Protein backbone atom coordinates (compact mmCIF):
# COMPACT_ATOMS: atom_id res chain seq x y z
CA MET A 1 38.84 -6.34 0.64
CA PRO A 2 35.36 -4.81 0.35
CA ILE A 3 33.18 -4.54 3.42
CA ARG A 4 30.23 -6.90 3.16
CA LYS A 5 27.04 -7.04 5.17
CA GLU A 6 26.69 -9.93 7.57
CA HIS A 7 24.08 -12.67 7.08
CA LYS A 8 21.10 -12.10 9.38
CA GLU A 9 17.84 -14.06 9.38
CA PHE A 10 14.52 -12.64 10.59
CA HIS A 11 14.79 -11.42 14.16
CA THR A 12 12.96 -8.98 16.39
CA ILE A 13 14.30 -5.41 16.42
CA ASP A 14 14.35 -3.71 19.84
CA MET A 15 12.58 -0.43 19.12
CA THR A 16 12.73 0.85 22.70
CA GLY A 17 16.28 1.14 23.92
CA GLU A 18 19.25 -1.07 23.20
CA GLY A 19 21.41 -0.15 20.22
CA TRP A 20 19.96 3.33 19.60
CA HIS A 21 22.32 6.33 19.62
CA SER A 22 22.59 9.77 18.05
CA PRO A 23 24.84 9.75 14.98
CA PRO A 24 27.68 12.29 14.81
CA GLY A 25 26.38 15.70 13.77
CA TYR A 26 22.80 15.02 14.91
CA PRO A 27 21.00 16.36 18.01
CA PRO A 28 20.23 13.88 20.84
CA ASP A 29 16.51 13.61 19.92
CA ILE A 30 17.42 11.98 16.58
CA GLU A 31 18.73 8.42 16.95
CA GLN A 32 19.89 5.62 14.69
CA LYS A 33 19.99 1.87 15.03
CA ILE A 34 22.32 0.02 12.65
CA LEU A 35 20.58 -3.09 11.31
CA ALA A 36 23.40 -4.47 9.14
CA GLY A 37 26.75 -3.55 7.67
CA ARG A 38 28.97 -0.54 8.14
CA LEU A 39 30.61 2.22 6.17
CA ASP A 40 34.31 2.92 6.00
CA ASP A 41 34.32 6.63 5.15
CA ALA A 42 38.13 6.82 5.00
CA GLY A 43 38.34 3.94 2.49
CA LYS A 44 35.06 4.90 0.80
CA THR A 45 33.73 1.34 0.99
CA GLY A 46 30.87 -0.46 2.65
CA ARG A 47 27.13 -0.70 2.91
CA CYS A 48 24.88 0.04 5.86
CA THR A 49 21.18 -0.37 6.61
CA ARG A 50 19.83 1.68 9.50
CA LEU A 51 16.70 2.95 11.15
CA LEU A 52 16.67 6.67 11.93
CA ARG A 53 14.04 8.07 14.26
CA PHE A 54 13.12 11.64 15.12
CA ALA A 55 11.39 12.41 18.42
CA PRO A 56 8.43 14.80 18.10
CA GLY A 57 9.78 18.30 17.47
CA ALA A 58 13.30 17.09 16.60
CA TYR A 59 15.21 19.02 13.96
CA THR A 60 18.59 19.54 12.32
CA THR A 61 19.86 23.03 11.53
CA VAL A 62 22.11 22.69 8.49
CA PRO A 63 22.06 20.70 5.24
CA PHE A 64 23.99 17.43 5.02
CA VAL A 65 26.30 16.21 2.24
CA HIS A 66 28.23 12.94 2.04
CA GLU A 67 30.22 10.84 -0.42
CA TYR A 68 27.99 7.73 -0.44
CA TRP A 69 24.65 6.84 -2.00
CA GLU A 70 21.62 7.13 0.26
CA GLU A 71 18.14 5.65 -0.10
CA ILE A 72 15.45 6.66 2.39
CA TYR A 73 11.96 5.30 2.99
CA LEU A 74 9.66 7.16 5.40
CA VAL A 75 7.98 4.38 7.40
CA SER A 76 5.87 6.47 9.79
CA GLY A 77 5.28 10.02 11.00
CA ASP A 78 6.00 13.29 9.22
CA LEU A 79 9.25 14.64 7.79
CA ILE A 80 9.77 18.27 6.77
CA VAL A 81 12.71 18.98 4.47
CA GLY A 82 14.30 22.38 3.80
CA GLY A 83 13.03 25.77 4.84
CA SER A 84 16.37 26.88 6.27
CA SER A 85 15.93 30.32 4.69
CA ALA A 86 13.13 32.54 3.41
CA ASN A 87 14.18 31.65 -0.15
CA GLU A 88 13.88 27.89 0.37
CA PRO A 89 10.43 26.35 0.77
CA ALA A 90 9.85 23.64 3.36
CA LEU A 91 8.41 20.45 1.89
CA SER A 92 6.38 18.10 4.09
CA PHE A 93 6.29 14.34 3.52
CA ALA A 94 4.04 11.57 4.86
CA PRO A 95 4.61 7.81 5.22
CA ASN A 96 5.33 5.72 2.13
CA THR A 97 7.56 8.32 0.50
CA TYR A 98 11.04 7.57 -0.80
CA ALA A 99 14.23 9.39 -1.82
CA CYS A 100 17.43 8.25 -3.54
CA ARG A 101 20.43 10.58 -3.41
CA PRO A 102 23.76 10.21 -5.20
CA PRO A 103 27.00 11.29 -3.51
CA GLY A 104 27.60 15.04 -3.19
CA VAL A 105 23.95 16.16 -3.02
CA TYR A 106 23.13 18.66 -0.28
CA HIS A 107 19.91 17.78 1.59
CA GLY A 108 18.09 19.07 4.63
CA PRO A 109 17.82 20.50 7.15
CA PHE A 110 15.13 18.15 8.50
CA ARG A 111 12.46 18.32 11.17
CA SER A 112 9.44 16.37 12.34
CA LEU A 113 6.41 17.71 14.16
CA THR A 114 5.04 14.34 15.36
CA GLY A 115 8.22 12.26 15.13
CA CYS A 116 9.09 9.82 12.37
CA LEU A 117 10.84 6.57 11.53
CA LEU A 118 13.03 6.22 8.42
CA LEU A 119 14.60 3.12 6.87
CA GLU A 120 17.88 4.11 5.20
CA LEU A 121 20.40 2.33 2.96
CA HIS A 122 23.86 3.89 2.66
CA TYR A 123 26.50 2.55 0.28
CA TYR A 124 29.62 3.39 -1.66
CA GLU A 125 29.75 2.32 -5.30
CA THR A 126 32.37 -0.36 -5.82
């Protein structure tokens, strides 16, 4: 049976503490809050909506790749993508920018000078 998102009406999101945690593979100054749904990576099913926030100066060190679709909207702050080697330029993005990645696409590493907030949708095609 496919994993479905739960029905949730408008409600206030706690942006300060409860429900935030660092996802596996991320440093402690990058945290996520799951808003709805979940992914089953073993069964390659599911859909998930999350907020991802970087503290000022937070960064990852290696590119990411995964087997699900990912859509990202930069809500606030700055996000710098790439620049992990002298041959790869770093690209800087401001609020109101968007990305859509199919499965298998390498992306990152990421960093933020001032901190940022991302809204992300993750899903397996069914």
